[in-house]
Amino acid sequence: MEPRSGLPSPVRPRRGWFVFATTAVLGTIAAALLPSPWSIACGALAAIGAIGAFAMFVVIVVLEDRERD
């Protein structure tokens, strides 16, 4: 099935979700291992990755629901 109204297929957002989720995980690990100034920067990077991964998850769910209809 092709998505309606020119929306992209869920495959491309899944790649984005993978990038954001990997950034969140690696940022969390780095924040735990690095000294203070770097751990704050890595913690912020992990937070941005987590927010992006959640947003991409929502996009994927919406696109898959539209694809089923």
N, C-alpha and C. Protein backbone atom coordinates (compact mmCIF):
# COMPACT_ATOMS: atom_id res chain seq x y z
N MET A 1 0.82 -1.18 0.00
CA MET A 1 0.00 0.00 0.00
C MET A 1 0.86 1.25 0.00
N GLU A 2 0.50 2.20 -0.79
CA GLU A 2 1.21 3.47 -0.79
C GLU A 2 0.48 4.46 0.11
N PRO A 3 1.24 5.24 0.88
CA PRO A 3 0.60 6.21 1.76
C PRO A 3 -0.10 7.30 0.96
N ARG A 4 -1.18 7.80 1.53
CA ARG A 4 -1.95 8.85 0.87
C ARG A 4 -1.36 10.22 1.15
N SER A 5 -1.78 11.19 0.38
CA SER A 5 -1.49 12.61 0.53
C SER A 5 0.01 12.92 0.57
N GLY A 6 0.82 12.16 -0.13
CA GLY A 6 2.23 12.48 -0.25
C GLY A 6 3.06 12.26 1.00
N LEU A 7 2.55 11.58 1.99
CA LEU A 7 3.33 11.32 3.20
C LEU A 7 4.38 10.25 2.92
N PRO A 8 5.56 10.36 3.52
CA PRO A 8 6.58 9.34 3.30
C PRO A 8 6.20 8.02 3.96
N SER A 9 6.79 6.96 3.47
CA SER A 9 6.53 5.66 4.09
C SER A 9 7.23 5.61 5.44
N PRO A 10 6.83 4.71 6.34
CA PRO A 10 7.44 4.64 7.67
C PRO A 10 8.91 4.24 7.67
N VAL A 11 9.46 3.79 6.55
CA VAL A 11 10.85 3.32 6.53
C VAL A 11 11.81 4.46 6.83
N ARG A 12 11.63 5.61 6.22
CA ARG A 12 12.55 6.72 6.44
C ARG A 12 12.51 7.22 7.88
N PRO A 13 11.33 7.41 8.50
CA PRO A 13 11.33 7.79 9.92
C PRO A 13 11.97 6.75 10.83
N ARG A 14 11.94 5.49 10.44
CA ARG A 14 12.60 4.47 11.27
C ARG A 14 14.10 4.68 11.29
N ARG A 15 14.66 5.12 10.17
CA ARG A 15 16.10 5.43 10.16
C ARG A 15 16.40 6.59 11.09
N GLY A 16 15.54 7.60 11.05
CA GLY A 16 15.71 8.74 11.94
C GLY A 16 15.58 8.34 13.39
N TRP A 17 14.61 7.46 13.68
CA TRP A 17 14.44 6.98 15.05
C TRP A 17 15.69 6.24 15.50
N PHE A 18 16.27 5.44 14.63
CA PHE A 18 17.48 4.71 14.98
C PHE A 18 18.62 5.65 15.32
N VAL A 19 18.78 6.72 14.53
CA VAL A 19 19.85 7.69 14.79
C VAL A 19 19.63 8.38 16.14
N PHE A 20 18.40 8.84 16.40
CA PHE A 20 18.12 9.52 17.66
C PHE A 20 18.28 8.57 18.85
N ALA A 21 17.79 7.35 18.71
CA ALA A 21 17.89 6.39 19.82
C ALA A 21 19.35 6.04 20.10
N THR A 22 20.15 5.86 19.06
CA THR A 22 21.57 5.57 19.25
C THR A 22 22.28 6.75 19.91
N THR A 23 21.93 7.97 19.50
CA THR A 23 22.51 9.16 20.13
C THR A 23 22.16 9.22 21.61
N ALA A 24 20.92 8.90 21.93
CA ALA A 24 20.50 8.92 23.34
C ALA A 24 21.26 7.89 24.17
N VAL A 25 21.41 6.71 23.64
CA VAL A 25 22.12 5.66 24.38
C VAL A 25 23.60 6.00 24.54
N LEU A 26 24.24 6.39 23.46
CA LEU A 26 25.67 6.71 23.53
C LEU A 26 25.92 7.95 24.40
N GLY A 27 25.03 8.93 24.33
CA GLY A 27 25.16 10.11 25.18
C GLY A 27 25.02 9.77 26.66
N THR A 28 24.11 8.87 26.97
CA THR A 28 23.93 8.44 28.36
C THR A 28 25.15 7.71 28.88
N ILE A 29 25.70 6.81 28.07
CA ILE A 29 26.90 6.08 28.48
C ILE A 29 28.08 7.03 28.66
N ALA A 30 28.25 7.95 27.71
CA ALA A 30 29.35 8.91 27.81
C ALA A 30 29.18 9.82 29.01
N ALA A 31 27.95 10.23 29.32
CA ALA A 31 27.71 11.10 30.49
C ALA A 31 28.07 10.38 31.78
N ALA A 32 27.88 9.08 31.81
CA ALA A 32 28.21 8.32 33.02
C ALA A 32 29.71 8.12 33.17
N LEU A 33 30.44 8.11 32.07
CA LEU A 33 31.86 7.77 32.13
C LEU A 33 32.81 8.97 32.12
N LEU A 34 32.38 10.09 31.56
CA LEU A 34 33.29 11.23 31.40
C LEU A 34 33.24 12.17 32.61
N PRO A 35 34.31 12.98 32.78
CA PRO A 35 34.32 13.94 33.89
C PRO A 35 33.31 15.08 33.67
N SER A 36 33.17 15.91 34.69
CA SER A 36 32.09 16.87 34.82
C SER A 36 31.75 17.74 33.60
N PRO A 37 32.63 18.54 33.05
CA PRO A 37 32.13 19.40 31.96
C PRO A 37 31.63 18.60 30.76
N TRP A 38 32.28 17.49 30.48
CA TRP A 38 31.86 16.66 29.35
C TRP A 38 30.60 15.88 29.65
N SER A 39 30.42 15.49 30.90
CA SER A 39 29.23 14.72 31.23
C SER A 39 27.96 15.56 31.09
N ILE A 40 28.07 16.86 31.38
CA ILE A 40 26.90 17.74 31.21
C ILE A 40 26.55 17.85 29.72
N ALA A 41 27.56 18.03 28.88
CA ALA A 41 27.32 18.13 27.44
C ALA A 41 26.75 16.82 26.89
N CYS A 42 27.28 15.70 27.34
CA CYS A 42 26.79 14.41 26.86
C CYS A 42 25.38 14.13 27.39
N GLY A 43 25.10 14.58 28.60
CA GLY A 43 23.75 14.44 29.14
C GLY A 43 22.75 15.24 28.34
N ALA A 44 23.13 16.45 27.93
CA ALA A 44 22.25 17.26 27.08
C ALA A 44 22.05 16.60 25.72
N LEU A 45 23.12 16.04 25.17
CA LEU A 45 23.01 15.32 23.91
C LEU A 45 22.09 14.11 24.04
N ALA A 46 22.21 13.40 25.15
CA ALA A 46 21.33 12.25 25.39
C ALA A 46 19.88 12.68 25.51
N ALA A 47 19.63 13.82 26.16
CA ALA A 47 18.26 14.31 26.29
C ALA A 47 17.68 14.69 24.93
N ILE A 48 18.48 15.35 24.10
CA ILE A 48 18.02 15.70 22.75
C ILE A 48 17.73 14.44 21.94
N GLY A 49 18.61 13.44 22.06
CA GLY A 49 18.38 12.17 21.37
C GLY A 49 17.13 11.48 21.83
N ALA A 50 16.86 11.51 23.13
CA ALA A 50 15.65 10.86 23.65
C ALA A 50 14.39 11.57 23.18
N ILE A 51 14.41 12.90 23.19
CA ILE A 51 13.25 13.66 22.71
C ILE A 51 13.02 13.39 21.22
N GLY A 52 14.10 13.38 20.44
CA GLY A 52 13.98 13.08 19.02
C GLY A 52 13.49 11.67 18.75
N ALA A 53 13.97 10.71 19.53
CA ALA A 53 13.52 9.32 19.35
C ALA A 53 12.03 9.20 19.66
N PHE A 54 11.57 9.89 20.70
CA PHE A 54 10.15 9.84 21.03
C PHE A 54 9.32 10.49 19.93
N ALA A 55 9.78 11.62 19.41
CA ALA A 55 9.05 12.29 18.32
C ALA A 55 9.00 11.42 17.07
N MET A 56 10.10 10.77 16.74
CA MET A 56 10.11 9.90 15.57
C MET A 56 9.22 8.68 15.77
N PHE A 57 9.15 8.17 17.01
CA PHE A 57 8.25 7.06 17.31
C PHE A 57 6.81 7.47 17.05
N VAL A 58 6.44 8.66 17.48
CA VAL A 58 5.08 9.16 17.25
C VAL A 58 4.80 9.28 15.76
N VAL A 59 5.77 9.80 15.00
CA VAL A 59 5.61 9.93 13.56
C VAL A 59 5.41 8.56 12.92
N ILE A 60 6.20 7.59 13.32
CA ILE A 60 6.08 6.24 12.76
C ILE A 60 4.71 5.66 13.05
N VAL A 61 4.24 5.80 14.27
CA VAL A 61 2.92 5.26 14.63
C VAL A 61 1.82 5.93 13.80
N VAL A 62 1.89 7.24 13.64
CA VAL A 62 0.88 7.96 12.86
C VAL A 62 0.91 7.50 11.41
N LEU A 63 2.11 7.37 10.82
CA LEU A 63 2.20 6.94 9.43
C LEU A 63 1.70 5.52 9.24
N GLU A 64 1.99 4.63 10.17
CA GLU A 64 1.52 3.26 10.05
C GLU A 64 0.00 3.17 10.22
N ASP A 65 -0.56 4.00 11.09
CA ASP A 65 -2.02 4.01 11.23
C ASP A 65 -2.69 4.53 9.98
N ARG A 66 -2.12 5.54 9.36
CA ARG A 66 -2.69 6.07 8.12
C ARG A 66 -2.55 5.07 6.99
N GLU A 67 -1.47 4.29 7.02
CA GLU A 67 -1.26 3.29 5.98
C GLU A 67 -2.30 2.17 6.06
N ARG A 68 -2.73 1.83 7.28
CA ARG A 68 -3.72 0.77 7.45
C ARG A 68 -5.12 1.19 7.02
N ASP A 69 -5.41 2.48 7.13
CA ASP A 69 -6.77 2.95 6.79
C ASP A 69 -7.02 2.97 5.31
